[in-house]
């Protein structure tokens, strides 16, 4: 076990003091924007679920009204995620050219979402879609908070582009890239990673909110704990990938991937078994104990969306296990 945490295994062991400081700042920024992304995505998903519910119940007009009123919430979600991608681009690309492209692309996307969000709210206020600047739902300051949110991310996008200008003038960003960019089947890889990221950010919000709103009494203790474990494992796996595996030196990534994936598979199987045992004991658990934090269709007797969340750690572990075996074979 000790060898997995030997400081010489990590890229940061080659850093000087300034590089370590930059690495720490970027890591903190990633965590902050991950949290923002988690809660905005969680709220946006439930706003979307309300729209779908209105369509299913035959109220298309209500669905359109809800969708337009929730537009700032949806755009805030995109802003948070693009800010996360912007920070991620600072140190996940192989060379300076790709890093510059990544920063520029995500900064412009961030500015576009922020500008559209700001303009959309003003237009909806003029058209009467919002009765006032502060309506109090879905948050106490909505939609004013969404305007403030836009201004913050405009500032972030401008800052990134100004930094980029200095970067192009040879002001070095000293932290070298961690993991190599995938070249083969890149589209499939990016799709898989995007799906995993969305599951993880939702799981973080569901886990933290669930600690306060889940029913841990009335016979639902086992189911509620099992459900929280499902969400926690989804967050844990992404954290291990981002802040441990990708921090390893290349030769250590090849060496450690298989045992990490095997441990992950064992953990994900145990958690899935616990969840299904809890579900067997409390078939009404998703609609009662899990009310408010389960994905779309939380009131259904068979919750397909939740099954996807349960299956994600298993899928991630199997994919990593296969990749680990292939790397060992090449070695």
C-alpha atoms as a PDB file:
ATOM      1  CA  UNK A   1       0.000   0.000   0.000  1.00  0.00           C
ATOM      2  CA  UNK A   2       2.838   2.364   0.868  1.00  0.00           C
ATOM      3  CA  UNK A   3       4.233   2.275  -2.670  1.00  0.00           C
ATOM      4  CA  UNK A   4       0.981   3.721  -4.059  1.00  0.00           C
ATOM      5  CA  UNK A   5       1.568   6.932  -2.120  1.00  0.00           C
ATOM      6  CA  UNK A   6       5.315   7.338  -2.505  1.00  0.00           C
ATOM      7  CA  UNK A   7       5.853  11.010  -3.399  1.00  0.00           C
ATOM      8  CA  UNK A   8       8.358  10.046  -6.101  1.00  0.00           C
ATOM      9  CA  UNK A   9       5.515   8.378  -8.040  1.00  0.00           C
ATOM     10  CA  UNK A  10       3.873  11.717  -8.756  1.00  0.00           C
ATOM     11  CA  UNK A  11       4.665  14.352 -11.346  1.00  0.00           C
ATOM     12  CA  UNK A  12       4.699  17.020  -8.638  1.00  0.00           C
ATOM     13  CA  UNK A  13       7.908  15.454  -7.263  1.00  0.00           C
ATOM     14  CA  UNK A  14       9.710  17.057 -10.237  1.00  0.00           C
ATOM     15  CA  UNK A  15       8.192  20.518  -9.632  1.00  0.00           C
ATOM     16  CA  UNK A  16       9.915  23.527  -8.146  1.00  0.00           C
ATOM     17  CA  UNK A  17       8.192  25.735  -5.562  1.00  0.00           C
ATOM     18  CA  UNK A  18       6.464  27.963  -8.127  1.00  0.00           C
ATOM     19  CA  UNK A  19       5.184  25.000 -10.094  1.00  0.00           C
ATOM     20  CA  UNK A  20       3.738  23.379  -6.974  1.00  0.00           C
ATOM     21  CA  UNK A  21       1.963  26.635  -6.111  1.00  0.00           C
ATOM     22  CA  UNK A  22       0.444  26.843  -9.608  1.00  0.00           C
ATOM     23  CA  UNK A  23      -0.608  23.207  -9.422  1.00  0.00           C
ATOM     24  CA  UNK A  24      -2.323  23.786  -6.077  1.00  0.00           C
ATOM     25  CA  UNK A  25      -4.198  26.865  -7.354  1.00  0.00           C
ATOM     26  CA  UNK A  26      -5.462  25.003 -10.422  1.00  0.00           C
ATOM     27  CA  UNK A  27      -6.553  22.033  -8.282  1.00  0.00           C
ATOM     28  CA  UNK A  28      -8.486  24.309  -5.914  1.00  0.00           C
ATOM     29  CA  UNK A  29     -10.132  26.064  -8.887  1.00  0.00           C
ATOM     30  CA  UNK A  30     -11.174  22.684 -10.304  1.00  0.00           C
ATOM     31  CA  UNK A  31     -12.780  21.700  -7.009  1.00  0.00           C
ATOM     32  CA  UNK A  32     -14.613  25.039  -6.695  1.00  0.00           C
ATOM     33  CA  UNK A  33     -16.055  24.869 -10.216  1.00  0.00           C
ATOM     34  CA  UNK A  34     -16.891  21.195  -9.738  1.00  0.00           C
ATOM     35  CA  UNK A  35     -19.062  22.159  -6.758  1.00  0.00           C
ATOM     36  CA  UNK A  36     -20.709  25.001  -8.716  1.00  0.00           C
ATOM     37  CA  UNK A  37     -21.325  22.624 -11.622  1.00  0.00           C
ATOM     38  CA  UNK A  38     -22.806  20.000  -9.326  1.00  0.00           C
ATOM     39  CA  UNK A  39     -25.504  22.213  -7.838  1.00  0.00           C
ATOM     40  CA  UNK A  40     -26.410  24.058 -11.041  1.00  0.00           C
ATOM     41  CA  UNK A  41     -26.637  20.758 -12.940  1.00  0.00           C
ATOM     42  CA  UNK A  42     -28.744  19.226 -10.163  1.00  0.00           C
ATOM     43  CA  UNK A  43     -31.213  22.130 -10.264  1.00  0.00           C
ATOM     44  CA  UNK A  44     -31.230  22.310 -14.062  1.00  0.00           C
ATOM     45  CA  UNK A  45     -31.963  18.598 -14.304  1.00  0.00           C
ATOM     46  CA  UNK A  46     -34.994  18.888 -12.064  1.00  0.00           C
ATOM     47  CA  UNK A  47     -36.235  21.938 -13.953  1.00  0.00           C
ATOM     48  CA  UNK A  48     -35.914  19.871 -17.134  1.00  0.00           C
ATOM     49  CA  UNK A  49     -37.780  16.999 -15.431  1.00  0.00           C
ATOM     50  CA  UNK A  50     -40.650  19.370 -14.622  1.00  0.00           C
ATOM     51  CA  UNK A  51     -40.854  20.351 -18.292  1.00  0.00           C
ATOM     52  CA  UNK A  52     -40.943  16.703 -19.352  1.00  0.00           C
ATOM     53  CA  UNK A  53     -43.596  16.016 -16.715  1.00  0.00           C
ATOM     54  CA  UNK A  54     -45.764  18.795 -18.120  1.00  0.00           C
ATOM     55  CA  UNK A  55     -45.441  17.384 -21.651  1.00  0.00           C
ATOM     56  CA  UNK A  56     -46.302  13.846 -20.472  1.00  0.00           C
ATOM     57  CA  UNK A  57     -49.367  15.152 -18.647  1.00  0.00           C
ATOM     58  CA  UNK A  58     -50.547  16.928 -21.804  1.00  0.00           C
ATOM     59  CA  UNK A  59     -49.663  20.457 -20.736  1.00  0.00           C
ATOM     60  CA  UNK A  60     -47.365  21.535 -23.573  1.00  0.00           C
ATOM     61  CA  UNK A  61     -48.047  25.218 -22.886  1.00  0.00           C
ATOM     62  CA  UNK A  62     -46.995  24.803 -19.261  1.00  0.00           C
ATOM     63  CA  UNK A  63     -43.860  22.955 -20.383  1.00  0.00           C
ATOM     64  CA  UNK A  64     -42.934  25.805 -22.751  1.00  0.00           C
ATOM     65  CA  UNK A  65     -43.592  28.382 -20.017  1.00  0.00           C
ATOM     66  CA  UNK A  66     -41.491  26.451 -17.490  1.00  0.00           C
ATOM     67  CA  UNK A  67     -38.676  25.913 -19.999  1.00  0.00           C
ATOM     68  CA  UNK A  68     -38.461  29.616 -20.892  1.00  0.00           C
ATOM     69  CA  UNK A  69     -38.582  30.643 -17.237  1.00  0.00           C
ATOM     70  CA  UNK A  70     -35.822  28.121 -16.418  1.00  0.00           C
ATOM     71  CA  UNK A  71     -33.591  29.230 -19.312  1.00  0.00           C
ATOM     72  CA  UNK A  72     -31.250  31.268 -17.028  1.00  0.00           C
ATOM     73  CA  UNK A  73     -30.894  28.190 -14.823  1.00  0.00           C
ATOM     74  CA  UNK A  74     -29.959  26.008 -17.803  1.00  0.00           C
ATOM     75  CA  UNK A  75     -27.450  28.581 -19.049  1.00  0.00           C
ATOM     76  CA  UNK A  76     -25.957  28.916 -15.552  1.00  0.00           C
ATOM     77  CA  UNK A  77     -25.400  25.169 -15.628  1.00  0.00           C
ATOM     78  CA  UNK A  78     -23.531  25.433 -18.932  1.00  0.00           C
ATOM     79  CA  UNK A  79     -21.452  28.328 -17.577  1.00  0.00           C
ATOM     80  CA  UNK A  80     -20.388  26.327 -14.538  1.00  0.00           C
ATOM     81  CA  UNK A  81     -19.422  23.297 -16.598  1.00  0.00           C
ATOM     82  CA  UNK A  82     -17.465  25.378 -19.124  1.00  0.00           C
ATOM     83  CA  UNK A  83     -15.601  27.105 -16.299  1.00  0.00           C
ATOM     84  CA  UNK A  84     -14.685  23.625 -15.060  1.00  0.00           C
ATOM     85  CA  UNK A  85     -13.454  22.694 -18.544  1.00  0.00           C
ATOM     86  CA  UNK A  86     -11.524  25.962 -18.784  1.00  0.00           C
ATOM     87  CA  UNK A  87      -9.562  25.181 -15.620  1.00  0.00           C
ATOM     88  CA  UNK A  88      -9.143  21.574 -16.703  1.00  0.00           C
ATOM     89  CA  UNK A  89      -7.542  22.769 -19.929  1.00  0.00           C
ATOM     90  CA  UNK A  90      -4.806  24.498 -17.964  1.00  0.00           C
ATOM     91  CA  UNK A  91      -2.987  21.282 -17.206  1.00  0.00           C
ATOM     92  CA  UNK A  92      -4.540  18.318 -18.984  1.00  0.00           C
ATOM     93  CA  UNK A  93      -3.168  18.974 -22.461  1.00  0.00           C
ATOM     94  CA  UNK A  94       0.130  17.617 -23.726  1.00  0.00           C
ATOM     95  CA  UNK A  95       1.725  20.763 -25.119  1.00  0.00           C
ATOM     96  CA  UNK A  96       1.498  24.542 -24.992  1.00  0.00           C
ATOM     97  CA  UNK A  97      -0.243  24.855 -28.366  1.00  0.00           C
ATOM     98  CA  UNK A  98      -3.070  22.522 -27.356  1.00  0.00           C
ATOM     99  CA  UNK A  99      -3.327  24.187 -23.964  1.00  0.00           C
ATOM    100  CA  UNK A 100      -3.706  27.623 -25.620  1.00  0.00           C
ATOM    101  CA  UNK A 101      -6.410  26.276 -27.953  1.00  0.00           C
ATOM    102  CA  UNK A 102      -8.255  24.706 -25.036  1.00  0.00           C
ATOM    103  CA  UNK A 103      -8.182  27.890 -22.948  1.00  0.00           C
ATOM    104  CA  UNK A 104      -9.297  30.058 -25.867  1.00  0.00           C
ATOM    105  CA  UNK A 105     -12.104  27.717 -26.935  1.00  0.00           C
ATOM    106  CA  UNK A 106     -13.559  27.326 -23.451  1.00  0.00           C
ATOM    107  CA  UNK A 107     -13.140  31.013 -22.567  1.00  0.00           C
ATOM    108  CA  UNK A 108     -15.108  32.088 -25.654  1.00  0.00           C
ATOM    109  CA  UNK A 109     -17.793  29.474 -24.938  1.00  0.00           C
ATOM    110  CA  UNK A 110     -18.030  30.742 -21.362  1.00  0.00           C
ATOM    111  CA  UNK A 111     -18.378  34.359 -22.530  1.00  0.00           C
ATOM    112  CA  UNK A 112     -21.045  33.353 -25.061  1.00  0.00           C
ATOM    113  CA  UNK A 113     -23.184  31.525 -22.479  1.00  0.00           C
ATOM    114  CA  UNK A 114     -22.802  34.390 -19.980  1.00  0.00           C
ATOM    115  CA  UNK A 115     -23.739  37.043 -22.551  1.00  0.00           C
ATOM    116  CA  UNK A 116     -26.760  35.091 -23.819  1.00  0.00           C
ATOM    117  CA  UNK A 117     -27.916  34.496 -20.254  1.00  0.00           C
ATOM    118  CA  UNK A 118     -27.642  38.188 -19.343  1.00  0.00           C
ATOM    119  CA  UNK A 119     -29.490  39.326 -22.488  1.00  0.00           C
ATOM    120  CA  UNK A 120     -32.148  36.605 -22.114  1.00  0.00           C
ATOM    121  CA  UNK A 121     -33.041  37.698 -18.572  1.00  0.00           C
ATOM    122  CA  UNK A 122     -33.306  41.371 -19.591  1.00  0.00           C
ATOM    123  CA  UNK A 123     -35.512  40.466 -22.580  1.00  0.00           C
ATOM    124  CA  UNK A 124     -37.751  38.247 -20.437  1.00  0.00           C
ATOM    125  CA  UNK A 125     -38.117  41.029 -17.863  1.00  0.00           C
ATOM    126  CA  UNK A 126     -39.169  43.440 -20.623  1.00  0.00           C
ATOM    127  CA  UNK A 127     -41.603  40.868 -22.080  1.00  0.00           C
ATOM    128  CA  UNK A 128     -43.093  40.148 -18.669  1.00  0.00           C
ATOM    129  CA  UNK A 129     -41.892  36.532 -18.450  1.00  0.00           C
ATOM    130  CA  UNK A 130     -40.452  37.542 -15.088  1.00  0.00           C
ATOM    131  CA  UNK A 131     -42.625  39.800 -12.973  1.00  0.00           C
ATOM    132  CA  UNK A 132     -39.660  41.276 -11.128  1.00  0.00           C
ATOM    133  CA  UNK A 133     -35.894  41.054 -10.873  1.00  0.00           C
ATOM    134  CA  UNK A 134     -36.298  38.943  -7.731  1.00  0.00           C
ATOM    135  CA  UNK A 135     -39.059  36.322  -7.911  1.00  0.00           C
ATOM    136  CA  UNK A 136     -37.692  34.018  -5.227  1.00  0.00           C
ATOM    137  CA  UNK A 137     -37.961  30.707  -7.097  1.00  0.00           C
ATOM    138  CA  UNK A 138     -36.168  28.352  -7.639  1.00  0.00           C
ATOM    139  CA  UNK A 139     -33.718  30.339  -5.462  1.00  0.00           C
ATOM    140  CA  UNK A 140     -34.411  33.284  -3.126  1.00  0.00           C
ATOM    141  CA  UNK A 141     -32.792  35.805  -5.522  1.00  0.00           C
ATOM    142  CA  UNK A 142     -33.798  34.273  -8.882  1.00  0.00           C
ATOM    143  CA  UNK A 143     -33.293  35.598 -11.579  1.00  0.00           C
ATOM    144  CA  UNK A 144     -31.055  38.319 -10.092  1.00  0.00           C
ATOM    145  CA  UNK A 145     -28.602  35.692  -8.893  1.00  0.00           C
ATOM    146  CA  UNK A 146     -28.343  34.386 -12.456  1.00  0.00           C
ATOM    147  CA  UNK A 147     -27.419  37.887 -13.679  1.00  0.00           C
ATOM    148  CA  UNK A 148     -24.719  38.156 -11.008  1.00  0.00           C
ATOM    149  CA  UNK A 149     -23.567  34.653 -11.913  1.00  0.00           C
ATOM    150  CA  UNK A 150     -23.216  35.750 -15.552  1.00  0.00           C
ATOM    151  CA  UNK A 151     -21.125  38.767 -14.595  1.00  0.00           C
ATOM    152  CA  UNK A 152     -18.778  36.594 -12.539  1.00  0.00           C
ATOM    153  CA  UNK A 153     -18.211  34.247 -15.470  1.00  0.00           C
ATOM    154  CA  UNK A 154     -17.771  37.124 -17.922  1.00  0.00           C
ATOM    155  CA  UNK A 155     -14.975  38.315 -15.658  1.00  0.00           C
ATOM    156  CA  UNK A 156     -13.514  34.803 -15.592  1.00  0.00           C
ATOM    157  CA  UNK A 157     -13.619  34.496 -19.394  1.00  0.00           C
ATOM    158  CA  UNK A 158     -11.985  37.905 -19.857  1.00  0.00           C
ATOM    159  CA  UNK A 159      -9.335  37.048 -17.285  1.00  0.00           C
ATOM    160  CA  UNK A 160      -8.573  33.781 -19.104  1.00  0.00           C
ATOM    161  CA  UNK A 161      -8.160  35.571 -22.441  1.00  0.00           C
ATOM    162  CA  UNK A 162      -5.955  38.265 -20.895  1.00  0.00           C
ATOM    163  CA  UNK A 163      -3.862  35.557 -19.292  1.00  0.00           C
ATOM    164  CA  UNK A 164      -3.708  33.807 -22.655  1.00  0.00           C
ATOM    165  CA  UNK A 165      -2.401  36.972 -24.286  1.00  0.00           C
ATOM    166  CA  UNK A 166       0.409  37.139 -21.745  1.00  0.00           C
ATOM    167  CA  UNK A 167       0.985  33.422 -22.157  1.00  0.00           C
ATOM    168  CA  UNK A 168       1.468  33.910 -25.896  1.00  0.00           C
ATOM    169  CA  UNK A 169       3.942  36.655 -25.107  1.00  0.00           C
ATOM    170  CA  UNK A 170       6.129  33.986 -23.487  1.00  0.00           C
ATOM    171  CA  UNK A 171       5.023  34.368 -19.893  1.00  0.00           C
ATOM    172  CA  UNK A 172       5.410  30.667 -19.043  1.00  0.00           C
ATOM    173  CA  UNK A 173       2.771  28.547 -17.415  1.00  0.00           C
ATOM    174  CA  UNK A 174       5.111  26.198 -15.627  1.00  0.00           C
ATOM    175  CA  UNK A 175       2.969  23.207 -14.712  1.00  0.00           C
ATOM    176  CA  UNK A 176       3.544  20.413 -17.248  1.00  0.00           C
ATOM    177  CA  UNK A 177       0.652  18.354 -18.505  1.00  0.00           C
ATOM    178  CA  UNK A 178      -0.430  15.354 -16.453  1.00  0.00           C
ATOM    179  CA  UNK A 179      -2.190  12.751 -18.575  1.00  0.00           C
ATOM    180  CA  UNK A 180      -1.612  12.435 -22.325  1.00  0.00           C
ATOM    181  CA  UNK A 181      -4.452  13.424 -24.642  1.00  0.00           C
ATOM    182  CA  UNK A 182      -6.150  10.389 -26.171  1.00  0.00           C
ATOM    183  CA  UNK A 183      -5.710  10.227 -29.947  1.00  0.00           C
ATOM    184  CA  UNK A 184      -7.367   6.932 -30.927  1.00  0.00           C
ATOM    185  CA  UNK A 185     -11.198   6.893 -30.771  1.00  0.00           C
ATOM    186  CA  UNK A 186     -11.085  10.391 -29.283  1.00  0.00           C
ATOM    187  CA  UNK A 187     -14.775  11.032 -29.972  1.00  0.00           C
ATOM    188  CA  UNK A 188     -15.831   7.911 -28.084  1.00  0.00           C
ATOM    189  CA  UNK A 189     -13.435   8.721 -25.242  1.00  0.00           C
ATOM    190  CA  UNK A 190     -14.728  12.295 -24.872  1.00  0.00           C
ATOM    191  CA  UNK A 191     -18.345  11.081 -24.933  1.00  0.00           C
ATOM    192  CA  UNK A 192     -17.635   8.515 -22.222  1.00  0.00           C
ATOM    193  CA  UNK A 193     -15.737  11.031 -20.066  1.00  0.00           C
ATOM    194  CA  UNK A 194     -18.468  13.654 -20.470  1.00  0.00           C
ATOM    195  CA  UNK A 195     -21.122  11.158 -19.412  1.00  0.00           C
ATOM    196  CA  UNK A 196     -19.026  10.096 -16.414  1.00  0.00           C
ATOM    197  CA  UNK A 197     -18.438  13.720 -15.423  1.00  0.00           C
ATOM    198  CA  UNK A 198     -22.168  14.520 -15.516  1.00  0.00           C
ATOM    199  CA  UNK A 199     -22.974  11.468 -13.399  1.00  0.00           C
ATOM    200  CA  UNK A 200     -20.249  12.448 -10.915  1.00  0.00           C
ATOM    201  CA  UNK A 201     -21.312  16.086 -10.563  1.00  0.00           C
ATOM    202  CA  UNK A 202     -24.925  15.045 -10.083  1.00  0.00           C
ATOM    203  CA  UNK A 203     -23.842  12.439  -7.537  1.00  0.00           C
ATOM    204  CA  UNK A 204     -21.909  15.022  -5.536  1.00  0.00           C
ATOM    205  CA  UNK A 205     -24.972  17.269  -5.271  1.00  0.00           C
ATOM    206  CA  UNK A 206     -27.262  14.320  -4.518  1.00  0.00           C
ATOM    207  CA  UNK A 207     -24.919  13.004  -1.814  1.00  0.00           C
ATOM    208  CA  UNK A 208     -24.481  16.318  -0.007  1.00  0.00           C
ATOM    209  CA  UNK A 209     -28.172  17.254  -0.255  1.00  0.00           C
ATOM    210  CA  UNK A 210     -29.244  13.709   0.610  1.00  0.00           C
ATOM    211  CA  UNK A 211     -27.426  13.896   3.934  1.00  0.00           C
ATOM    212  CA  UNK A 212     -30.018  16.467   5.015  1.00  0.00           C
ATOM    213  CA  UNK A 213     -33.236  15.480   3.241  1.00  0.00           C
ATOM    214  CA  UNK A 214     -33.197  11.685   2.948  1.00  0.00           C
ATOM    215  CA  UNK A 215     -35.427   9.600   5.203  1.00  0.00           C
ATOM    216  CA  UNK A 216     -33.170   7.693   7.592  1.00  0.00           C
ATOM    217  CA  UNK A 217     -36.072   6.591   9.787  1.00  0.00           C
ATOM    218  CA  UNK A 218     -39.416   4.892   9.215  1.00  0.00           C
ATOM    219  CA  UNK A 219     -37.671   1.702   8.086  1.00  0.00           C
ATOM    220  CA  UNK A 220     -35.605   3.329   5.309  1.00  0.00           C
ATOM    221  CA  UNK A 221     -32.226   3.453   7.046  1.00  0.00           C
ATOM    222  CA  UNK A 222     -30.582   0.650   5.022  1.00  0.00           C
ATOM    223  CA  UNK A 223     -31.912   1.882   1.660  1.00  0.00           C
ATOM    224  CA  UNK A 224     -30.929   5.496   2.365  1.00  0.00           C
ATOM    225  CA  UNK A 225     -27.384   4.551   3.384  1.00  0.00           C
ATOM    226  CA  UNK A 226     -27.012   2.318   0.308  1.00  0.00           C
ATOM    227  CA  UNK A 227     -28.247   5.115  -1.963  1.00  0.00           C
ATOM    228  CA  UNK A 228     -25.804   7.607  -0.459  1.00  0.00           C
ATOM    229  CA  UNK A 229     -22.984   5.095  -0.923  1.00  0.00           C
ATOM    230  CA  UNK A 230     -23.855   4.855  -4.625  1.00  0.00           C
ATOM    231  CA  UNK A 231     -23.515   8.614  -4.984  1.00  0.00           C
ATOM    232  CA  UNK A 232     -20.368   8.752  -2.867  1.00  0.00           C
ATOM    233  CA  UNK A 233     -18.625   6.067  -4.937  1.00  0.00           C
ATOM    234  CA  UNK A 234     -19.389   7.936  -8.163  1.00  0.00           C
ATOM    235  CA  UNK A 235     -17.702  11.054  -6.724  1.00  0.00           C
ATOM    236  CA  UNK A 236     -14.838   9.046  -5.244  1.00  0.00           C
ATOM    237  CA  UNK A 237     -13.984   7.328  -8.529  1.00  0.00           C
ATOM    238  CA  UNK A 238     -13.788  10.628 -10.415  1.00  0.00           C
ATOM    239  CA  UNK A 239     -11.646  12.135  -7.655  1.00  0.00           C
ATOM    240  CA  UNK A 240      -9.239   9.173  -7.765  1.00  0.00           C
ATOM    241  CA  UNK A 241      -8.966   9.475 -11.542  1.00  0.00           C
ATOM    242  CA  UNK A 242      -8.468  13.252 -11.507  1.00  0.00           C
ATOM    243  CA  UNK A 243      -6.333  13.821  -8.425  1.00  0.00           C
ATOM    244  CA  UNK A 244      -4.480  10.532  -8.109  1.00  0.00           C
ATOM    245  CA  UNK A 245      -4.214   8.562 -11.349  1.00  0.00           C
ATOM    246  CA  UNK A 246      -3.587  11.581 -13.596  1.00  0.00           C
ATOM    247  CA  UNK A 247      -1.051  12.941 -11.126  1.00  0.00           C
ATOM    248  CA  UNK A 248       1.115   9.818 -11.461  1.00  0.00           C
ATOM    249  CA  UNK A 249       4.157   9.658 -13.717  1.00  0.00           C
ATOM    250  CA  UNK A 250       3.478   7.815 -16.952  1.00  0.00           C
ATOM    251  CA  UNK A 251       5.291   4.623 -15.964  1.00  0.00           C
ATOM    252  CA  UNK A 252       3.418   4.519 -12.649  1.00  0.00           C
ATOM    253  CA  UNK A 253       0.071   4.976 -14.396  1.00  0.00           C
ATOM    254  CA  UNK A 254       0.806   1.845 -16.412  1.00  0.00           C
ATOM    255  CA  UNK A 255       1.822  -0.048 -13.288  1.00  0.00           C
ATOM    256  CA  UNK A 256      -0.984   1.030 -10.974  1.00  0.00           C
ATOM    257  CA  UNK A 257      -4.008   1.111 -13.293  1.00  0.00           C
ATOM    258  CA  UNK A 258      -4.844  -2.592 -13.079  1.00  0.00           C
ATOM    259  CA  UNK A 259      -4.801  -2.874  -9.245  1.00  0.00           C
ATOM    260  CA  UNK A 260      -6.720   0.416  -8.956  1.00  0.00           C
ATOM    261  CA  UNK A 261      -9.338  -0.805 -11.426  1.00  0.00           C
ATOM    262  CA  UNK A 262      -9.626  -4.153  -9.625  1.00  0.00           C
ATOM    263  CA  UNK A 263     -10.199  -2.407  -6.280  1.00  0.00           C
ATOM    264  CA  UNK A 264     -12.725  -0.139  -7.971  1.00  0.00           C
ATOM    265  CA  UNK A 265     -14.607  -3.099  -9.425  1.00  0.00           C
ATOM    266  CA  UNK A 266     -14.823  -4.810  -6.029  1.00  0.00           C
ATOM    267  CA  UNK A 267     -16.070  -1.606  -4.364  1.00  0.00           C
ATOM    268  CA  UNK A 268     -18.628  -0.874  -7.100  1.00  0.00           C
ATOM    269  CA  UNK A 269     -19.973  -4.442  -7.017  1.00  0.00           C
ATOM    270  CA  UNK A 270     -20.377  -4.307  -3.226  1.00  0.00           C
ATOM    271  CA  UNK A 271     -22.161  -0.949  -3.381  1.00  0.00           C
ATOM    272  CA  UNK A 272     -24.465  -2.134  -6.196  1.00  0.00           C
ATOM    273  CA  UNK A 273     -25.349  -5.273  -4.208  1.00  0.00           C
ATOM    274  CA  UNK A 274     -26.085  -3.158  -1.109  1.00  0.00           C
ATOM    275  CA  UNK A 275     -28.319  -0.875  -3.156  1.00  0.00           C
ATOM    276  CA  UNK A 276     -30.338  -3.721  -4.670  1.00  0.00           C
ATOM    277  CA  UNK A 277     -30.672  -5.419  -1.285  1.00  0.00           C
ATOM    278  CA  UNK A 278     -31.935  -2.119   0.127  1.00  0.00           C
ATOM    279  CA  UNK A 279     -34.295  -1.743  -2.817  1.00  0.00           C
ATOM    280  CA  UNK A 280     -35.571  -5.282  -2.216  1.00  0.00           C
ATOM    281  CA  UNK A 281     -36.326  -4.421   1.389  1.00  0.00           C
ATOM    282  CA  UNK A 282     -37.913  -1.060   0.497  1.00  0.00           C
ATOM    283  CA  UNK A 283     -39.457  -1.176  -2.977  1.00  0.00           C
ATOM    284  CA  UNK A 284     -41.006   2.212  -2.284  1.00  0.00           C
ATOM    285  CA  UNK A 285     -37.609   3.614  -1.293  1.00  0.00           C
ATOM    286  CA  UNK A 286     -37.048   5.617  -4.511  1.00  0.00           C
ATOM    287  CA  UNK A 287     -40.375   7.449  -4.170  1.00  0.00           C
ATOM    288  CA  UNK A 288     -40.281   7.882  -0.390  1.00  0.00           C
ATOM    289  CA  UNK A 289     -36.804   7.781   1.171  1.00  0.00           C
ATOM    290  CA  UNK A 290     -35.087   9.078  -1.964  1.00  0.00           C
ATOM    291  CA  UNK A 291     -37.666  11.708  -2.833  1.00  0.00           C
ATOM    292  CA  UNK A 292     -35.994  14.870  -4.070  1.00  0.00           C
ATOM    293  CA  UNK A 293     -32.521  13.550  -4.875  1.00  0.00           C
ATOM    294  CA  UNK A 294     -33.042  10.672  -7.296  1.00  0.00           C
ATOM    295  CA  UNK A 295     -32.712  11.374 -11.022  1.00  0.00           C
ATOM    296  CA  UNK A 296     -35.612  11.928 -13.404  1.00  0.00           C
ATOM    297  CA  UNK A 297     -38.663   9.720 -12.725  1.00  0.00           C
ATOM    298  CA  UNK A 298     -37.871   9.392  -9.024  1.00  0.00           C
ATOM    299  CA  UNK A 299     -41.511   8.544  -8.307  1.00  0.00           C
ATOM    300  CA  UNK A 300     -41.567   5.560 -10.678  1.00  0.00           C
ATOM    301  CA  UNK A 301     -41.543   2.025  -9.315  1.00  0.00           C
ATOM    302  CA  UNK A 302     -38.639   1.154 -11.634  1.00  0.00           C
ATOM    303  CA  UNK A 303     -36.189   4.016 -11.698  1.00  0.00           C
ATOM    304  CA  UNK A 304     -34.181   3.622 -14.915  1.00  0.00           C
ATOM    305  CA  UNK A 305     -32.157   6.806 -14.362  1.00  0.00           C
ATOM    306  CA  UNK A 306     -31.065   5.611 -10.930  1.00  0.00           C
ATOM    307  CA  UNK A 307     -30.016   2.259 -12.386  1.00  0.00           C
ATOM    308  CA  UNK A 308     -27.693   4.190 -14.719  1.00  0.00           C
ATOM    309  CA  UNK A 309     -26.143   5.965 -11.731  1.00  0.00           C
ATOM    310  CA  UNK A 310     -25.693   2.610  -9.956  1.00  0.00           C
ATOM    311  CA  UNK A 311     -24.129   1.048 -13.053  1.00  0.00           C
ATOM    312  CA  UNK A 312     -21.662   3.882 -13.800  1.00  0.00           C
ATOM    313  CA  UNK A 313     -18.954   2.823 -11.268  1.00  0.00           C
ATOM    314  CA  UNK A 314     -19.186  -0.740 -12.605  1.00  0.00           C
ATOM    315  CA  UNK A 315     -18.761   0.439 -16.193  1.00  0.00           C
ATOM    316  CA  UNK A 316     -15.855   2.740 -15.282  1.00  0.00           C
ATOM    317  CA  UNK A 317     -14.106  -0.066 -13.362  1.00  0.00           C
ATOM    318  CA  UNK A 318     -14.503  -2.601 -16.190  1.00  0.00           C
ATOM    319  CA  UNK A 319     -13.205  -0.118 -18.795  1.00  0.00           C
ATOM    320  CA  UNK A 320     -10.213   0.721 -16.566  1.00  0.00           C
ATOM    321  CA  UNK A 321      -9.583  -2.977 -15.931  1.00  0.00           C
ATOM    322  CA  UNK A 322      -9.475  -3.729 -19.666  1.00  0.00           C
ATOM    323  CA  UNK A 323      -7.166  -0.778 -20.268  1.00  0.00           C
ATOM    324  CA  UNK A 324      -4.931  -1.913 -17.386  1.00  0.00           C
ATOM    325  CA  UNK A 325      -4.668  -5.412 -18.864  1.00  0.00           C
ATOM    326  CA  UNK A 326      -3.780  -4.001 -22.288  1.00  0.00           C
ATOM    327  CA  UNK A 327      -1.073  -1.779 -20.768  1.00  0.00           C
ATOM    328  CA  UNK A 328       0.395  -4.753 -18.899  1.00  0.00           C
ATOM    329  CA  UNK A 329       0.409  -6.789 -22.078  1.00  0.00           C
ATOM    330  CA  UNK A 330       2.302  -4.059 -23.943  1.00  0.00           C
ATOM    331  CA  UNK A 331       4.800  -3.819 -21.112  1.00  0.00           C
END
